[in-house]
Amino acid sequence: MESRHLSVWIDATAEAVYDFAADPQTWPRWAAGLAEGGLRRTADGWVADSPMGQVTVEFSPPNEFGVLDHIVRLPSGQAVYNPLRVIRGGVGEVGCEVVFTLRRQPGMTDEQFDADAAAVAADLSTLRRLVEN
């Protein structure tokens, strides 16, 4: 399996970034690839209307480590695990880094993988803009 790590530095505390990004209701504002059509709570959990069709999303439970991993279940039944972390900038640092690990899915072409990476990078930039403002 091939992975690509995409990250953005954010001029805000790790706690502030985590609190914002851990709330599924903020995802439509910054995670366009997943929650473009909205993310809503149902009896089956969180559901999003994505470009691929309706998907369900399982989020990591709240934690103090900045872990925002989530599993996206596609209409095909395929489950995609998405590691996402908010990492403190260091001792006494106000800023933090948000890192998303993009994993190439089976059968994905180089062009599709690059397009996914570009979409994730855009989402992370939007997250930065929203949290910093």
C-alpha atoms as a PDB file:
ATOM      1  CA  MET A   1       0.000   0.000   0.000  1.00  0.00           C
ATOM      2  CA  GLU A   2       1.221   3.493  -0.792  1.00  0.00           C
ATOM      3  CA  SER A   3       0.633   6.458   1.512  1.00  0.00           C
ATOM      4  CA  ARG A   4       1.117  10.175   1.112  1.00  0.00           C
ATOM      5  CA  HIS A   5       1.228  12.494   4.122  1.00  0.00           C
ATOM      6  CA  LEU A   6      -0.349  15.902   3.583  1.00  0.00           C
ATOM      7  CA  SER A   7      -0.044  18.552   6.227  1.00  0.00           C
ATOM      8  CA  VAL A   8      -0.708  22.163   7.040  1.00  0.00           C
ATOM      9  CA  TRP A   9       0.606  24.359   9.847  1.00  0.00           C
ATOM     10  CA  ILE A  10      -2.106  26.330  11.617  1.00  0.00           C
ATOM     11  CA  ASP A  11      -1.519  29.421  13.736  1.00  0.00           C
ATOM     12  CA  ALA A  12      -3.843  28.325  16.541  1.00  0.00           C
ATOM     13  CA  THR A  13      -3.564  26.020  19.516  1.00  0.00           C
ATOM     14  CA  ALA A  14      -3.816  22.305  18.927  1.00  0.00           C
ATOM     15  CA  GLU A  15      -6.799  22.252  21.298  1.00  0.00           C
ATOM     16  CA  ALA A  16      -8.674  24.898  19.293  1.00  0.00           C
ATOM     17  CA  VAL A  17      -8.006  23.115  16.011  1.00  0.00           C
ATOM     18  CA  TYR A  18      -8.958  19.736  17.454  1.00  0.00           C
ATOM     19  CA  ASP A  19     -12.167  21.091  19.005  1.00  0.00           C
ATOM     20  CA  PHE A  20     -13.214  22.588  15.666  1.00  0.00           C
ATOM     21  CA  ALA A  21     -12.235  19.627  13.490  1.00  0.00           C
ATOM     22  CA  ALA A  22     -13.585  16.996  15.897  1.00  0.00           C
ATOM     23  CA  ASP A  23     -17.107  18.369  15.473  1.00  0.00           C
ATOM     24  CA  PRO A  24     -18.682  16.538  12.504  1.00  0.00           C
ATOM     25  CA  GLN A  25     -21.018  19.487  11.991  1.00  0.00           C
ATOM     26  CA  THR A  26     -18.033  21.630  10.889  1.00  0.00           C
ATOM     27  CA  TRP A  27     -16.938  19.156   8.217  1.00  0.00           C
ATOM     28  CA  PRO A  28     -19.192  20.496   5.439  1.00  0.00           C
ATOM     29  CA  ARG A  29     -17.366  23.822   5.864  1.00  0.00           C
ATOM     30  CA  TRP A  30     -13.888  22.396   5.228  1.00  0.00           C
ATOM     31  CA  ALA A  31     -13.975  18.738   4.072  1.00  0.00           C
ATOM     32  CA  ALA A  32     -15.490  19.243   0.625  1.00  0.00           C
ATOM     33  CA  GLY A  33     -14.465  15.853  -0.705  1.00  0.00           C
ATOM     34  CA  LEU A  34     -16.420  14.090   1.989  1.00  0.00           C
ATOM     35  CA  ALA A  35     -19.172  16.348   3.233  1.00  0.00           C
ATOM     36  CA  GLU A  36     -19.904  18.594   0.284  1.00  0.00           C
ATOM     37  CA  GLY A  37     -23.612  17.812   0.426  1.00  0.00           C
ATOM     38  CA  GLY A  38     -23.820  17.994   4.202  1.00  0.00           C
ATOM     39  CA  LEU A  39     -23.168  15.616   7.050  1.00  0.00           C
ATOM     40  CA  ARG A  40     -26.069  14.541   9.196  1.00  0.00           C
ATOM     41  CA  ARG A  41     -26.634  12.284  12.180  1.00  0.00           C
ATOM     42  CA  THR A  42     -28.942   9.332  11.540  1.00  0.00           C
ATOM     43  CA  ALA A  43     -29.815   6.121  13.343  1.00  0.00           C
ATOM     44  CA  ASP A  44     -26.958   4.528  11.368  1.00  0.00           C
ATOM     45  CA  GLY A  45     -24.442   7.189  12.458  1.00  0.00           C
ATOM     46  CA  TRP A  46     -23.063  10.088  10.436  1.00  0.00           C
ATOM     47  CA  VAL A  47     -24.114  10.114   6.780  1.00  0.00           C
ATOM     48  CA  ALA A  48     -22.801  12.334   3.980  1.00  0.00           C
ATOM     49  CA  ASP A  49     -23.850  12.931   0.419  1.00  0.00           C
ATOM     50  CA  SER A  50     -20.534  12.802  -1.397  1.00  0.00           C
ATOM     51  CA  PRO A  51     -19.542  12.890  -5.069  1.00  0.00           C
ATOM     52  CA  MET A  52     -19.459   9.054  -4.818  1.00  0.00           C
ATOM     53  CA  GLY A  53     -23.005   8.836  -3.435  1.00  0.00           C
ATOM     54  CA  GLN A  54     -24.198   8.434   0.134  1.00  0.00           C
ATOM     55  CA  VAL A  55     -21.445   7.397   2.551  1.00  0.00           C
ATOM     56  CA  THR A  56     -21.364   6.712   6.263  1.00  0.00           C
ATOM     57  CA  VAL A  57     -18.596   8.081   8.432  1.00  0.00           C
ATOM     58  CA  GLU A  58     -17.355   6.638  11.713  1.00  0.00           C
ATOM     59  CA  PHE A  59     -15.319   9.126  13.757  1.00  0.00           C
ATOM     60  CA  SER A  60     -12.747   8.416  16.449  1.00  0.00           C
ATOM     61  CA  PRO A  61     -14.060   8.976  19.939  1.00  0.00           C
ATOM     62  CA  PRO A  62     -13.027  12.233  21.627  1.00  0.00           C
ATOM     63  CA  ASN A  63      -9.471  12.013  22.909  1.00  0.00           C
ATOM     64  CA  GLU A  64      -6.654  14.157  24.262  1.00  0.00           C
ATOM     65  CA  PHE A  65      -4.110  13.062  21.657  1.00  0.00           C
ATOM     66  CA  GLY A  66      -5.402  14.938  18.606  1.00  0.00           C
ATOM     67  CA  VAL A  67      -6.531  11.781  16.816  1.00  0.00           C
ATOM     68  CA  LEU A  68      -9.289  12.478  14.288  1.00  0.00           C
ATOM     69  CA  ASP A  69      -9.158   9.193  12.392  1.00  0.00           C
ATOM     70  CA  HIS A  70     -12.319   8.270  10.563  1.00  0.00           C
ATOM     71  CA  ILE A  71     -13.646   5.415   8.464  1.00  0.00           C
ATOM     72  CA  VAL A  72     -15.660   6.219   5.365  1.00  0.00           C
ATOM     73  CA  ARG A  73     -17.958   3.461   4.116  1.00  0.00           C
ATOM     74  CA  LEU A  74     -18.601   3.933   0.419  1.00  0.00           C
ATOM     75  CA  PRO A  75     -21.807   3.000  -1.427  1.00  0.00           C
ATOM     76  CA  SER A  76     -19.912  -0.040  -2.785  1.00  0.00           C
ATOM     77  CA  GLY A  77     -19.430  -1.307   0.785  1.00  0.00           C
ATOM     78  CA  GLN A  78     -15.693  -0.552   0.734  1.00  0.00           C
ATOM     79  CA  ALA A  79     -14.404   0.900   4.022  1.00  0.00           C
ATOM     80  CA  VAL A  80     -11.647   3.506   3.752  1.00  0.00           C
ATOM     81  CA  TYR A  81      -9.598   4.224   6.885  1.00  0.00           C
ATOM     82  CA  ASN A  82      -8.358   7.829   7.026  1.00  0.00           C
ATOM     83  CA  PRO A  83      -5.710   8.702   9.627  1.00  0.00           C
ATOM     84  CA  LEU A  84      -5.899  12.372  10.640  1.00  0.00           C
ATOM     85  CA  ARG A  85      -3.940  14.035  13.440  1.00  0.00           C
ATOM     86  CA  VAL A  86      -3.615  17.413  15.101  1.00  0.00           C
ATOM     87  CA  ILE A  87      -0.040  17.663  16.389  1.00  0.00           C
ATOM     88  CA  ARG A  88       1.191  20.286  18.815  1.00  0.00           C
ATOM     89  CA  GLY A  89       3.922  22.531  17.435  1.00  0.00           C
ATOM     90  CA  GLY A  90       6.103  21.953  20.480  1.00  0.00           C
ATOM     91  CA  VAL A  91       6.624  23.094  24.039  1.00  0.00           C
ATOM     92  CA  GLY A  92       5.420  26.661  24.374  1.00  0.00           C
ATOM     93  CA  GLU A  93       4.387  26.841  20.709  1.00  0.00           C
ATOM     94  CA  VAL A  94       0.963  28.210  19.830  1.00  0.00           C
ATOM     95  CA  GLY A  95       0.749  26.702  16.345  1.00  0.00           C
ATOM     96  CA  CYS A  96       0.098  23.121  15.388  1.00  0.00           C
ATOM     97  CA  GLU A  97       0.281  20.818  12.394  1.00  0.00           C
ATOM     98  CA  VAL A  98      -2.614  18.855  10.941  1.00  0.00           C
ATOM     99  CA  VAL A  99      -1.526  15.710   9.108  1.00  0.00           C
ATOM    100  CA  PHE A 100      -3.735  13.565   6.888  1.00  0.00           C
ATOM    101  CA  THR A 101      -2.424  10.232   5.630  1.00  0.00           C
ATOM    102  CA  LEU A 102      -3.837   9.559   2.179  1.00  0.00           C
ATOM    103  CA  ARG A 103      -3.712   5.924   1.157  1.00  0.00           C
ATOM    104  CA  ARG A 104      -3.867   4.834  -2.447  1.00  0.00           C
ATOM    105  CA  GLN A 105      -6.904   2.644  -2.926  1.00  0.00           C
ATOM    106  CA  PRO A 106      -6.784  -0.530  -5.031  1.00  0.00           C
ATOM    107  CA  GLY A 107      -7.010   0.196  -8.733  1.00  0.00           C
ATOM    108  CA  MET A 108      -6.370   3.917  -8.290  1.00  0.00           C
ATOM    109  CA  THR A 109      -4.328   5.492 -11.080  1.00  0.00           C
ATOM    110  CA  ASP A 110      -1.506   7.962 -10.490  1.00  0.00           C
ATOM    111  CA  GLU A 111      -3.771  10.728 -11.760  1.00  0.00           C
ATOM    112  CA  GLN A 112      -6.569   9.760  -9.363  1.00  0.00           C
ATOM    113  CA  PHE A 113      -4.139   9.560  -6.440  1.00  0.00           C
ATOM    114  CA  ASP A 114      -2.707  12.986  -7.322  1.00  0.00           C
ATOM    115  CA  ALA A 115      -6.238  14.412  -7.614  1.00  0.00           C
ATOM    116  CA  ASP A 116      -7.161  12.977  -4.199  1.00  0.00           C
ATOM    117  CA  ALA A 117      -3.988  14.505  -2.729  1.00  0.00           C
ATOM    118  CA  ALA A 118      -4.823  17.898  -4.232  1.00  0.00           C
ATOM    119  CA  ALA A 119      -8.356  17.720  -2.810  1.00  0.00           C
ATOM    120  CA  VAL A 120      -7.072  16.848   0.666  1.00  0.00           C
ATOM    121  CA  ALA A 121      -4.516  19.675   0.496  1.00  0.00           C
ATOM    122  CA  ALA A 122      -7.307  22.110  -0.433  1.00  0.00           C
ATOM    123  CA  ASP A 123      -9.450  20.842   2.464  1.00  0.00           C
ATOM    124  CA  LEU A 124      -6.565  21.329   4.902  1.00  0.00           C
ATOM    125  CA  SER A 125      -6.001  24.863   3.599  1.00  0.00           C
ATOM    126  CA  THR A 126      -9.672  25.629   4.135  1.00  0.00           C
ATOM    127  CA  LEU A 127      -9.467  24.231   7.677  1.00  0.00           C
ATOM    128  CA  ARG A 128      -6.489  26.526   8.354  1.00  0.00           C
ATOM    129  CA  ARG A 129      -8.336  29.563   7.026  1.00  0.00           C
ATOM    130  CA  LEU A 130     -11.437  28.845   9.101  1.00  0.00           C
ATOM    131  CA  VAL A 131      -9.577  28.220  12.354  1.00  0.00           C
ATOM    132  CA  GLU A 132      -7.146  31.102  12.004  1.00  0.00           C
ATOM    133  CA  ASN A 133      -9.910  33.652  11.295  1.00  0.00           C
END
